[in-house]
């Protein structure tokens, strides 16, 4: 009887050890996310010239360098006109890597639907202004 109990104990121990040693894969690249003091200001440009956008939106994915495979972003903000340009502001960010996709309509352009994508590293807890070069879709 004792050898059977010992064998059952060993099997249960090995199953628990295997189950507890499994880790979820880390799909984030060097962190990112809410909870810090960094402010990321996305400014709309077209070949270096500030432009105002109509119905502009910016989407951000935390801890990513590329378009999310599932198409789901972590946050979004609309562009607001400021002088001769439009700005979208993401605040309270931690240091880390971010992927940003933005789009809008530039009424003074022959092909008004414009879009831009970039990965942006945040390495200091300060305000960063990132000019986004929008081009037609």
N, C-alpha and C. Protein backbone atom coordinates (compact mmCIF):
# COMPACT_ATOMS: atom_id res chain seq x y z
N UNK A 1 0.82 -1.21 0.00
CA UNK A 1 0.00 0.00 0.00
C UNK A 1 0.86 1.26 0.00
N UNK A 2 1.97 1.23 0.76
CA UNK A 2 2.83 2.41 0.82
C UNK A 2 3.43 2.77 -0.54
N UNK A 3 3.89 1.80 -1.36
CA UNK A 3 4.45 2.18 -2.66
C UNK A 3 3.43 2.88 -3.55
N UNK A 4 2.15 2.49 -3.47
CA UNK A 4 1.11 3.13 -4.29
C UNK A 4 0.90 4.58 -3.85
N UNK A 5 0.83 4.82 -2.53
CA UNK A 5 0.66 6.19 -2.02
C UNK A 5 1.83 7.06 -2.42
N UNK A 6 3.05 6.50 -2.32
CA UNK A 6 4.24 7.27 -2.68
C UNK A 6 4.22 7.60 -4.17
N UNK A 7 3.82 6.64 -5.00
CA UNK A 7 3.75 6.87 -6.45
C UNK A 7 2.71 7.93 -6.79
N UNK A 8 1.55 7.88 -6.14
CA UNK A 8 0.51 8.88 -6.36
C UNK A 8 1.01 10.25 -5.93
N UNK A 9 1.71 10.30 -4.80
CA UNK A 9 2.27 11.57 -4.33
C UNK A 9 3.25 12.14 -5.34
N UNK A 10 4.13 11.32 -5.87
CA UNK A 10 5.12 11.77 -6.86
C UNK A 10 4.41 12.28 -8.12
N UNK A 11 3.42 11.56 -8.58
CA UNK A 11 2.70 11.97 -9.80
C UNK A 11 1.99 13.30 -9.57
N UNK A 12 1.30 13.45 -8.43
CA UNK A 12 0.61 14.71 -8.12
C UNK A 12 1.63 15.84 -8.00
N UNK A 13 2.76 15.58 -7.36
CA UNK A 13 3.80 16.59 -7.22
C UNK A 13 4.33 17.04 -8.58
N UNK A 14 4.60 16.09 -9.47
CA UNK A 14 5.11 16.45 -10.80
C UNK A 14 4.07 17.21 -11.62
N UNK A 15 2.81 16.85 -11.52
CA UNK A 15 1.75 17.57 -12.24
C UNK A 15 1.65 19.00 -11.73
N UNK A 16 1.66 19.18 -10.40
CA UNK A 16 1.60 20.53 -9.83
C UNK A 16 2.83 21.35 -10.20
N UNK A 17 3.99 20.74 -10.15
CA UNK A 17 5.23 21.44 -10.52
C UNK A 17 5.18 21.91 -11.96
N UNK A 18 4.71 21.04 -12.85
CA UNK A 18 4.60 21.41 -14.27
C UNK A 18 3.58 22.52 -14.47
N UNK A 19 2.43 22.43 -13.84
CA UNK A 19 1.38 23.44 -14.00
C UNK A 19 1.81 24.79 -13.45
N UNK A 20 2.49 24.80 -12.32
CA UNK A 20 2.91 26.06 -11.71
C UNK A 20 4.11 26.69 -12.39
N UNK A 21 4.87 25.90 -13.14
CA UNK A 21 6.05 26.46 -13.80
C UNK A 21 5.73 27.07 -15.16
N UNK A 22 4.51 26.89 -15.66
CA UNK A 22 4.12 27.48 -16.94
C UNK A 22 3.97 28.99 -16.78
N UNK A 23 4.48 29.73 -17.75
CA UNK A 23 4.38 31.18 -17.73
C UNK A 23 3.66 31.64 -18.99
N UNK A 24 2.89 32.68 -18.81
CA UNK A 24 2.25 33.31 -19.95
C UNK A 24 3.33 34.01 -20.77
N UNK A 25 3.32 33.86 -22.11
CA UNK A 25 4.34 34.55 -22.90
C UNK A 25 4.22 36.06 -22.77
N UNK A 26 5.36 36.71 -22.70
CA UNK A 26 5.38 38.17 -22.57
C UNK A 26 5.29 38.79 -23.96
N UNK A 27 4.12 39.31 -24.32
CA UNK A 27 3.93 39.87 -25.65
C UNK A 27 4.11 41.38 -25.68
N UNK A 28 4.60 41.96 -24.61
CA UNK A 28 4.86 43.39 -24.63
C UNK A 28 6.34 43.64 -24.86
N UNK A 29 6.64 44.73 -25.48
CA UNK A 29 8.02 45.11 -25.75
C UNK A 29 8.35 46.28 -24.86
N UNK A 30 9.16 46.05 -23.89
CA UNK A 30 9.67 47.08 -22.97
C UNK A 30 8.58 47.99 -22.42
N UNK A 31 7.53 47.38 -21.91
CA UNK A 31 6.54 48.11 -21.12
C UNK A 31 5.70 49.12 -21.85
N UNK A 32 5.40 50.18 -21.14
CA UNK A 32 4.50 51.18 -21.65
C UNK A 32 3.17 51.09 -20.93
N UNK A 33 2.31 52.05 -21.14
CA UNK A 33 1.00 52.04 -20.54
C UNK A 33 0.73 53.26 -19.70
N UNK A 34 -0.42 53.30 -19.10
CA UNK A 34 -0.84 54.42 -18.25
C UNK A 34 -0.18 54.31 -16.88
N UNK A 35 -0.09 55.45 -16.19
CA UNK A 35 0.42 55.46 -14.83
C UNK A 35 1.69 56.25 -14.63
N UNK A 36 2.21 56.88 -15.69
CA UNK A 36 3.42 57.68 -15.57
C UNK A 36 3.13 59.16 -15.70
N UNK A 37 4.18 59.94 -15.93
CA UNK A 37 4.05 61.39 -16.05
C UNK A 37 4.36 61.90 -17.45
N UNK A 38 4.61 61.00 -18.40
CA UNK A 38 4.96 61.43 -19.76
C UNK A 38 3.71 61.87 -20.52
N UNK A 39 3.87 62.88 -21.35
CA UNK A 39 2.80 63.38 -22.21
C UNK A 39 3.30 63.28 -23.65
N UNK A 40 2.52 62.65 -24.50
CA UNK A 40 2.88 62.49 -25.91
C UNK A 40 1.90 63.31 -26.73
N UNK A 41 2.42 64.32 -27.43
CA UNK A 41 1.59 65.18 -28.26
C UNK A 41 1.86 64.83 -29.72
N UNK A 42 0.84 64.37 -30.41
CA UNK A 42 0.94 64.02 -31.83
C UNK A 42 0.50 65.24 -32.62
N UNK A 43 1.40 65.79 -33.43
CA UNK A 43 1.11 66.99 -34.22
C UNK A 43 0.96 66.60 -35.68
N UNK A 44 -0.06 67.11 -36.34
CA UNK A 44 -0.32 66.76 -37.74
C UNK A 44 0.51 67.64 -38.67
N UNK A 45 1.30 66.99 -39.51
CA UNK A 45 2.11 67.64 -40.54
C UNK A 45 1.85 66.94 -41.87
N UNK A 46 2.11 67.66 -42.95
CA UNK A 46 2.08 67.06 -44.28
C UNK A 46 3.36 67.50 -44.98
N UNK A 47 4.32 66.59 -45.05
CA UNK A 47 5.65 66.89 -45.60
C UNK A 47 6.29 68.08 -44.91
N UNK A 48 6.21 68.08 -43.58
CA UNK A 48 6.86 69.11 -42.78
C UNK A 48 6.06 70.39 -42.59
N UNK A 49 4.90 70.49 -43.23
CA UNK A 49 4.07 71.69 -43.11
C UNK A 49 2.90 71.37 -42.17
N UNK A 50 2.70 72.16 -41.11
CA UNK A 50 1.58 71.89 -40.20
C UNK A 50 0.25 71.99 -40.94
N UNK A 51 -0.67 71.08 -40.64
CA UNK A 51 -1.99 71.09 -41.26
C UNK A 51 -3.05 70.88 -40.17
N UNK A 52 -4.24 71.39 -40.45
CA UNK A 52 -5.39 71.14 -39.59
C UNK A 52 -6.16 69.95 -40.15
N UNK A 53 -6.58 69.06 -39.27
CA UNK A 53 -7.35 67.89 -39.67
C UNK A 53 -8.81 68.05 -39.28
N UNK A 54 -9.67 67.47 -40.09
CA UNK A 54 -11.08 67.36 -39.76
C UNK A 54 -11.33 65.89 -39.40
N UNK A 55 -12.05 65.66 -38.33
CA UNK A 55 -12.37 64.30 -37.89
C UNK A 55 -11.12 63.44 -37.68
N UNK A 56 -10.06 64.03 -37.18
CA UNK A 56 -8.83 63.28 -36.95
C UNK A 56 -8.89 62.47 -35.66
N UNK A 57 -8.33 61.27 -35.69
CA UNK A 57 -8.24 60.39 -34.52
C UNK A 57 -6.85 59.79 -34.46
N UNK A 58 -6.36 59.58 -33.23
CA UNK A 58 -5.08 58.90 -33.01
C UNK A 58 -5.34 57.71 -32.09
N UNK A 59 -4.74 56.58 -32.41
CA UNK A 59 -4.88 55.35 -31.64
C UNK A 59 -3.50 54.92 -31.15
N UNK A 60 -3.43 54.40 -29.92
CA UNK A 60 -2.15 54.02 -29.34
C UNK A 60 -2.23 52.58 -28.83
N UNK A 61 -1.15 51.84 -29.07
CA UNK A 61 -1.01 50.48 -28.55
C UNK A 61 0.21 50.48 -27.63
N UNK A 62 0.00 50.09 -26.37
CA UNK A 62 1.08 50.08 -25.39
C UNK A 62 2.00 48.88 -25.62
N UNK A 63 3.31 49.10 -25.44
CA UNK A 63 4.28 48.02 -25.53
C UNK A 63 4.35 47.36 -26.88
N UNK A 64 4.24 48.12 -27.96
CA UNK A 64 4.23 47.54 -29.30
C UNK A 64 5.06 48.39 -30.26
N UNK A 65 5.58 47.73 -31.30
CA UNK A 65 6.32 48.43 -32.34
C UNK A 65 5.63 48.34 -33.70
N UNK A 66 4.59 47.54 -33.78
CA UNK A 66 3.90 47.32 -35.04
C UNK A 66 2.39 47.38 -34.84
N UNK A 67 1.67 47.38 -35.95
CA UNK A 67 0.21 47.35 -35.92
C UNK A 67 -0.22 46.12 -35.13
N UNK A 68 -1.16 46.26 -34.19
CA UNK A 68 -1.62 45.08 -33.46
C UNK A 68 -2.27 44.06 -34.40
N UNK A 69 -1.91 42.81 -34.24
CA UNK A 69 -2.42 41.75 -35.12
C UNK A 69 -3.94 41.65 -35.06
N UNK A 70 -4.51 41.90 -33.89
CA UNK A 70 -5.97 41.80 -33.75
C UNK A 70 -6.68 43.12 -34.07
N UNK A 71 -5.91 44.17 -34.39
CA UNK A 71 -6.50 45.47 -34.75
C UNK A 71 -7.05 46.25 -33.57
N UNK A 72 -6.79 45.80 -32.36
CA UNK A 72 -7.34 46.48 -31.18
C UNK A 72 -6.24 47.32 -30.52
N UNK A 73 -6.55 48.60 -30.33
CA UNK A 73 -5.62 49.52 -29.69
C UNK A 73 -6.05 49.72 -28.24
N UNK A 74 -5.13 50.24 -27.41
CA UNK A 74 -5.39 50.41 -25.98
C UNK A 74 -6.11 51.71 -25.65
N UNK A 75 -5.95 52.73 -26.48
CA UNK A 75 -6.58 54.02 -26.19
C UNK A 75 -6.69 54.82 -27.48
N UNK A 76 -7.53 55.83 -27.48
CA UNK A 76 -7.67 56.71 -28.65
C UNK A 76 -8.05 58.10 -28.18
N UNK A 77 -7.65 59.10 -28.96
CA UNK A 77 -8.02 60.49 -28.69
C UNK A 77 -8.27 61.17 -30.03
N UNK A 78 -9.07 62.22 -30.01
CA UNK A 78 -9.33 62.98 -31.23
C UNK A 78 -8.33 64.13 -31.34
N UNK A 79 -8.11 64.55 -32.58
CA UNK A 79 -7.26 65.71 -32.83
C UNK A 79 -8.05 66.98 -32.57
N UNK A 80 -7.40 67.96 -31.99
CA UNK A 80 -8.00 69.27 -31.76
C UNK A 80 -7.17 70.33 -32.47
N UNK A 81 -7.82 71.30 -33.12
CA UNK A 81 -7.06 72.35 -33.82
C UNK A 81 -6.35 73.26 -32.82
N UNK A 82 -5.07 73.52 -33.09
CA UNK A 82 -4.27 74.45 -32.29
C UNK A 82 -3.49 75.29 -33.29
N UNK A 83 -3.83 76.55 -33.44
CA UNK A 83 -3.20 77.45 -34.42
C UNK A 83 -3.31 76.86 -35.82
N UNK A 84 -2.16 76.58 -36.47
CA UNK A 84 -2.18 76.11 -37.86
C UNK A 84 -2.07 74.59 -37.96
N UNK A 85 -2.13 73.89 -36.85
CA UNK A 85 -2.00 72.44 -36.86
C UNK A 85 -3.09 71.82 -35.99
N UNK A 86 -3.11 70.50 -35.93
CA UNK A 86 -4.00 69.77 -35.04
C UNK A 86 -3.14 68.90 -34.13
N UNK A 87 -3.61 68.70 -32.90
CA UNK A 87 -2.84 67.90 -31.95
C UNK A 87 -3.75 66.87 -31.27
N UNK A 88 -3.17 65.69 -31.06
CA UNK A 88 -3.81 64.65 -30.25
C UNK A 88 -2.87 64.40 -29.07
N UNK A 89 -3.41 64.38 -27.86
CA UNK A 89 -2.56 64.31 -26.67
C UNK A 89 -2.88 63.05 -25.87
N UNK A 90 -1.83 62.23 -25.67
CA UNK A 90 -1.90 61.08 -24.76
C UNK A 90 -1.10 61.47 -23.52
N UNK A 91 -1.73 61.40 -22.35
CA UNK A 91 -1.02 61.79 -21.13
C UNK A 91 -0.93 60.62 -20.15
N UNK A 92 -0.20 60.84 -19.06
CA UNK A 92 -0.02 59.86 -17.99
C UNK A 92 0.60 58.56 -18.48
N UNK A 93 1.57 58.66 -19.40
CA UNK A 93 2.21 57.46 -19.95
C UNK A 93 3.47 57.11 -19.17
N UNK A 94 3.76 55.82 -19.09
CA UNK A 94 5.01 55.33 -18.51
C UNK A 94 6.07 55.26 -19.61
N UNK A 95 7.32 55.11 -19.21
CA UNK A 95 8.38 54.86 -20.19
C UNK A 95 8.07 53.53 -20.88
N UNK A 96 8.34 53.47 -22.17
CA UNK A 96 8.11 52.23 -22.90
C UNK A 96 7.96 52.49 -24.39
N UNK A 97 7.56 51.46 -25.10
CA UNK A 97 7.41 51.53 -26.55
C UNK A 97 5.92 51.63 -26.88
N UNK A 98 5.58 52.48 -27.84
CA UNK A 98 4.19 52.68 -28.24
C UNK A 98 4.08 52.65 -29.76
N UNK A 99 2.99 52.08 -30.26
CA UNK A 99 2.70 52.17 -31.68
C UNK A 99 1.48 53.07 -31.83
N UNK A 100 1.57 54.04 -32.72
CA UNK A 100 0.50 55.01 -32.90
C UNK A 100 0.06 55.00 -34.36
N UNK A 101 -1.26 54.95 -34.55
CA UNK A 101 -1.85 55.07 -35.87
C UNK A 101 -2.81 56.25 -35.80
N UNK A 102 -2.72 57.13 -36.77
CA UNK A 102 -3.59 58.31 -36.78
C UNK A 102 -4.12 58.53 -38.19
N UNK A 103 -5.32 59.08 -38.25
CA UNK A 103 -5.91 59.40 -39.55
C UNK A 103 -6.76 60.65 -39.41
N UNK A 104 -7.08 61.22 -40.54
CA UNK A 104 -7.94 62.40 -40.54
C UNK A 104 -8.24 62.84 -41.95
N UNK A 105 -8.95 63.95 -42.07
CA UNK A 105 -9.30 64.52 -43.36
C UNK A 105 -8.69 65.91 -43.42
N UNK A 106 -7.90 66.15 -44.48
CA UNK A 106 -7.31 67.46 -44.71
C UNK A 106 -8.01 68.05 -45.93
N UNK A 107 -8.93 68.98 -45.68
CA UNK A 107 -9.78 69.49 -46.75
C UNK A 107 -9.03 70.27 -47.82
N UNK A 108 -7.85 70.79 -47.52
CA UNK A 108 -7.10 71.56 -48.51
C UNK A 108 -6.22 70.71 -49.39
N UNK A 109 -6.36 69.40 -49.34
CA UNK A 109 -5.51 68.49 -50.09
C UNK A 109 -6.34 67.77 -51.13
N UNK A 110 -5.82 67.54 -52.35
CA UNK A 110 -6.62 66.89 -53.40
C UNK A 110 -7.17 65.51 -53.00
N UNK A 111 -6.39 64.73 -52.25
CA UNK A 111 -6.87 63.46 -51.71
C UNK A 111 -7.00 63.66 -50.21
N UNK A 112 -8.19 64.03 -49.73
CA UNK A 112 -8.31 64.51 -48.36
C UNK A 112 -8.14 63.47 -47.26
N UNK A 113 -8.35 62.18 -47.54
CA UNK A 113 -8.20 61.16 -46.49
C UNK A 113 -6.73 60.83 -46.31
N UNK A 114 -6.21 61.12 -45.13
CA UNK A 114 -4.79 60.93 -44.89
C UNK A 114 -4.57 60.08 -43.64
N UNK A 115 -3.39 59.43 -43.58
CA UNK A 115 -3.11 58.48 -42.52
C UNK A 115 -1.62 58.48 -42.21
N UNK A 116 -1.26 58.12 -40.98
CA UNK A 116 0.14 58.02 -40.59
C UNK A 116 0.28 56.97 -39.51
N UNK A 117 1.42 56.27 -39.49
CA UNK A 117 1.71 55.27 -38.48
C UNK A 117 3.17 55.39 -38.06
N UNK A 118 3.46 55.11 -36.79
CA UNK A 118 4.85 55.13 -36.33
C UNK A 118 4.94 54.44 -34.98
N UNK A 119 6.15 53.92 -34.68
CA UNK A 119 6.37 53.47 -33.31
C UNK A 119 7.18 54.55 -32.63
N UNK A 120 6.85 54.80 -31.37
CA UNK A 120 7.42 55.94 -30.63
C UNK A 120 7.93 55.44 -29.28
N UNK A 121 9.24 55.55 -29.03
CA UNK A 121 9.73 55.21 -27.70
C UNK A 121 9.59 56.40 -26.75
N UNK A 122 9.16 56.13 -25.53
CA UNK A 122 9.08 57.15 -24.49
C UNK A 122 10.12 56.76 -23.44
N UNK A 123 11.15 57.61 -23.28
CA UNK A 123 12.24 57.26 -22.36
C UNK A 123 12.42 58.27 -21.24
N UNK A 124 11.57 59.27 -21.18
CA UNK A 124 11.66 60.24 -20.08
C UNK A 124 10.26 60.68 -19.71
N UNK A 125 10.10 61.03 -18.46
CA UNK A 125 8.79 61.44 -17.96
C UNK A 125 8.64 62.94 -18.15
N UNK A 126 8.38 63.32 -19.40
CA UNK A 126 8.31 64.72 -19.79
C UNK A 126 7.33 64.82 -20.95
N UNK A 127 7.17 66.01 -21.50
CA UNK A 127 6.31 66.22 -22.65
C UNK A 127 7.12 66.03 -23.93
N UNK A 128 6.62 65.19 -24.82
CA UNK A 128 7.27 64.96 -26.12
C UNK A 128 6.30 65.39 -27.21
N UNK A 129 6.78 66.19 -28.15
CA UNK A 129 5.96 66.58 -29.31
C UNK A 129 6.47 65.77 -30.50
N UNK A 130 5.60 64.99 -31.10
CA UNK A 130 5.97 64.13 -32.21
C UNK A 130 5.25 64.60 -33.47
N UNK A 131 5.99 65.16 -34.45
CA UNK A 131 5.33 65.52 -35.71
C UNK A 131 5.03 64.27 -36.53
N UNK A 132 3.78 64.10 -36.92
CA UNK A 132 3.36 62.97 -37.72
C UNK A 132 3.20 63.42 -39.16
N UNK A 133 3.91 62.80 -40.08
CA UNK A 133 3.82 63.14 -41.49
C UNK A 133 2.67 62.37 -42.12
N UNK A 134 1.57 63.05 -42.38
CA UNK A 134 0.39 62.41 -42.95
C UNK A 134 0.52 62.39 -44.46
N UNK A 135 0.15 61.25 -45.05
CA UNK A 135 0.11 61.11 -46.52
C UNK A 135 -1.23 60.51 -46.89
N UNK A 136 -1.57 60.55 -48.18
CA UNK A 136 -2.87 60.02 -48.61
C UNK A 136 -2.88 58.52 -48.48
N UNK A 137 -4.09 57.95 -48.28
CA UNK A 137 -4.25 56.49 -48.13
C UNK A 137 -3.98 55.77 -49.41
